[in-house]
C-alpha atoms as a PDB file:
ATOM      1  CA  UNK A   1       0.000   0.000   0.000  1.00  0.00           C
ATOM      2  CA  UNK A   2       2.873   2.339   0.832  1.00  0.00           C
ATOM      3  CA  UNK A   3       4.485   1.645  -2.554  1.00  0.00           C
ATOM      4  CA  UNK A   4       1.271   2.463  -4.428  1.00  0.00           C
ATOM      5  CA  UNK A   5       0.925   5.736  -2.539  1.00  0.00           C
ATOM      6  CA  UNK A   6       4.533   6.636  -3.372  1.00  0.00           C
ATOM      7  CA  UNK A   7       3.959   5.805  -7.062  1.00  0.00           C
ATOM      8  CA  UNK A   8       0.761   7.862  -7.103  1.00  0.00           C
ATOM      9  CA  UNK A   9       2.540  10.851  -5.541  1.00  0.00           C
ATOM     10  CA  UNK A  10       5.391  10.532  -8.047  1.00  0.00           C
ATOM     11  CA  UNK A  11       2.905  10.369 -10.924  1.00  0.00           C
ATOM     12  CA  UNK A  12       1.042  13.459  -9.702  1.00  0.00           C
ATOM     13  CA  UNK A  13       4.324  15.310  -9.197  1.00  0.00           C
ATOM     14  CA  UNK A  14       5.444  14.499 -12.757  1.00  0.00           C
ATOM     15  CA  UNK A  15       2.034  15.503 -14.112  1.00  0.00           C
ATOM     16  CA  UNK A  16       2.238  18.872 -12.331  1.00  0.00           C
ATOM     17  CA  UNK A  17       5.743  19.494 -13.668  1.00  0.00           C
ATOM     18  CA  UNK A  18       4.630  18.633 -17.204  1.00  0.00           C
ATOM     19  CA  UNK A  19       1.941  21.300 -17.022  1.00  0.00           C
ATOM     20  CA  UNK A  20       4.499  23.962 -16.072  1.00  0.00           C
ATOM     21  CA  UNK A  21       6.615  25.110 -19.031  1.00  0.00           C
ATOM     22  CA  UNK A  22       9.483  26.869 -17.270  1.00  0.00           C
ATOM     23  CA  UNK A  23      13.195  26.088 -17.584  1.00  0.00           C
ATOM     24  CA  UNK A  24      13.303  24.862 -13.977  1.00  0.00           C
ATOM     25  CA  UNK A  25      10.505  22.429 -14.759  1.00  0.00           C
ATOM     26  CA  UNK A  26      12.409  21.156 -17.785  1.00  0.00           C
ATOM     27  CA  UNK A  27      15.528  20.643 -15.672  1.00  0.00           C
ATOM     28  CA  UNK A  28      13.457  18.795 -13.116  1.00  0.00           C
ATOM     29  CA  UNK A  29      12.060  16.484 -15.808  1.00  0.00           C
ATOM     30  CA  UNK A  30      15.527  15.818 -17.223  1.00  0.00           C
ATOM     31  CA  UNK A  31      16.690  14.999 -13.714  1.00  0.00           C
ATOM     32  CA  UNK A  32      13.952  12.414 -12.962  1.00  0.00           C
ATOM     33  CA  UNK A  33      15.542   9.254 -14.336  1.00  0.00           C
ATOM     34  CA  UNK A  34      19.166   9.957 -13.379  1.00  0.00           C
ATOM     35  CA  UNK A  35      18.146  10.867  -9.844  1.00  0.00           C
ATOM     36  CA  UNK A  36      16.178   7.631  -9.518  1.00  0.00           C
ATOM     37  CA  UNK A  37      19.347   5.801 -10.603  1.00  0.00           C
ATOM     38  CA  UNK A  38      21.424   7.720  -8.063  1.00  0.00           C
ATOM     39  CA  UNK A  39      22.923  10.420 -10.307  1.00  0.00           C
ATOM     40  CA  UNK A  40      22.127  14.105 -10.169  1.00  0.00           C
ATOM     41  CA  UNK A  41      22.205  16.603 -13.010  1.00  0.00           C
ATOM     42  CA  UNK A  42      22.524  20.286 -12.270  1.00  0.00           C
ATOM     43  CA  UNK A  43      22.419  23.288 -14.564  1.00  0.00           C
ATOM     44  CA  UNK A  44      26.196  23.500 -14.792  1.00  0.00           C
ATOM     45  CA  UNK A  45      26.437  19.832 -15.765  1.00  0.00           C
ATOM     46  CA  UNK A  46      23.735  20.234 -18.422  1.00  0.00           C
ATOM     47  CA  UNK A  47      25.443  23.365 -19.753  1.00  0.00           C
ATOM     48  CA  UNK A  48      28.745  21.484 -19.825  1.00  0.00           C
ATOM     49  CA  UNK A  49      27.164  18.619 -21.753  1.00  0.00           C
ATOM     50  CA  UNK A  50      25.614  21.033 -24.263  1.00  0.00           C
ATOM     51  CA  UNK A  51      28.895  22.893 -24.780  1.00  0.00           C
ATOM     52  CA  UNK A  52      30.817  19.629 -25.134  1.00  0.00           C
ATOM     53  CA  UNK A  53      28.360  18.268 -27.689  1.00  0.00           C
ATOM     54  CA  UNK A  54      28.472  21.553 -29.634  1.00  0.00           C
ATOM     55  CA  UNK A  55      32.280  21.499 -29.681  1.00  0.00           C
ATOM     56  CA  UNK A  56      32.213  17.847 -30.758  1.00  0.00           C
ATOM     57  CA  UNK A  57      29.893  18.712 -33.676  1.00  0.00           C
ATOM     58  CA  UNK A  58      32.188  21.573 -34.711  1.00  0.00           C
ATOM     59  CA  UNK A  59      35.180  19.225 -34.476  1.00  0.00           C
ATOM     60  CA  UNK A  60      33.488  16.589 -36.666  1.00  0.00           C
ATOM     61  CA  UNK A  61      32.481  19.213 -39.251  1.00  0.00           C
ATOM     62  CA  UNK A  62      36.031  20.554 -39.305  1.00  0.00           C
ATOM     63  CA  UNK A  63      37.442  17.075 -39.898  1.00  0.00           C
ATOM     64  CA  UNK A  64      34.937  16.440 -42.693  1.00  0.00           C
ATOM     65  CA  UNK A  65      35.762  19.815 -44.286  1.00  0.00           C
ATOM     66  CA  UNK A  66      39.501  19.102 -44.158  1.00  0.00           C
ATOM     67  CA  UNK A  67      38.977  15.628 -45.600  1.00  0.00           C
ATOM     68  CA  UNK A  68      36.930  16.994 -48.516  1.00  0.00           C
ATOM     69  CA  UNK A  69      39.418  19.828 -49.058  1.00  0.00           C
ATOM     70  CA  UNK A  70      42.405  17.477 -49.136  1.00  0.00           C
ATOM     71  CA  UNK A  71      40.531  15.066 -51.403  1.00  0.00           C
ATOM     72  CA  UNK A  72      39.764  17.863 -53.876  1.00  0.00           C
ATOM     73  CA  UNK A  73      43.370  19.092 -53.797  1.00  0.00           C
ATOM     74  CA  UNK A  74      44.727  15.593 -54.401  1.00  0.00           C
ATOM     75  CA  UNK A  75      42.265  15.075 -57.263  1.00  0.00           C
ATOM     76  CA  UNK A  76      43.333  18.421 -58.759  1.00  0.00           C
ATOM     77  CA  UNK A  77      47.009  17.464 -58.494  1.00  0.00           C
ATOM     78  CA  UNK A  78      46.343  14.149 -60.210  1.00  0.00           C
ATOM     79  CA  UNK A  79      44.531  15.934 -63.042  1.00  0.00           C
ATOM     80  CA  UNK A  80      47.390  18.423 -63.392  1.00  0.00           C
ATOM     81  CA  UNK A  81      49.963  15.617 -63.465  1.00  0.00           C
ATOM     82  CA  UNK A  82      47.979  13.711 -66.097  1.00  0.00           C
ATOM     83  CA  UNK A  83      47.669  16.874 -68.174  1.00  0.00           C
ATOM     84  CA  UNK A  84      51.406  17.532 -67.783  1.00  0.00           C
ATOM     85  CA  UNK A  85      52.295  13.985 -68.850  1.00  0.00           C
ATOM     86  CA  UNK A  86      49.973  14.272 -71.838  1.00  0.00           C
ATOM     87  CA  UNK A  87      51.509  17.560 -72.991  1.00  0.00           C
ATOM     88  CA  UNK A  88      55.071  16.325 -72.505  1.00  0.00           C
ATOM     89  CA  UNK A  89      54.241  13.083 -74.262  1.00  0.00           C
ATOM     90  CA  UNK A  90      55.405  10.606 -71.642  1.00  0.00           C
END
């Protein structure tokens, strides 16, 4: 009986937080599952995760840009070498 009452209170608490659309309510909802597992997420941790994921995306885009740039340069060099060999007659 005590477990059912606890579950009902948790359900009502979640329902009330879902009706509120503030940033604190969103942080509370994000913190539900980790806190039940024994972890806590605070604003600074969430901000750190967002900044880290943004930097990771920038890093991946930079690597892809460099890869495409180097691929185009190598393809251009190959075309220039083929053109040079054709004009020289090798």
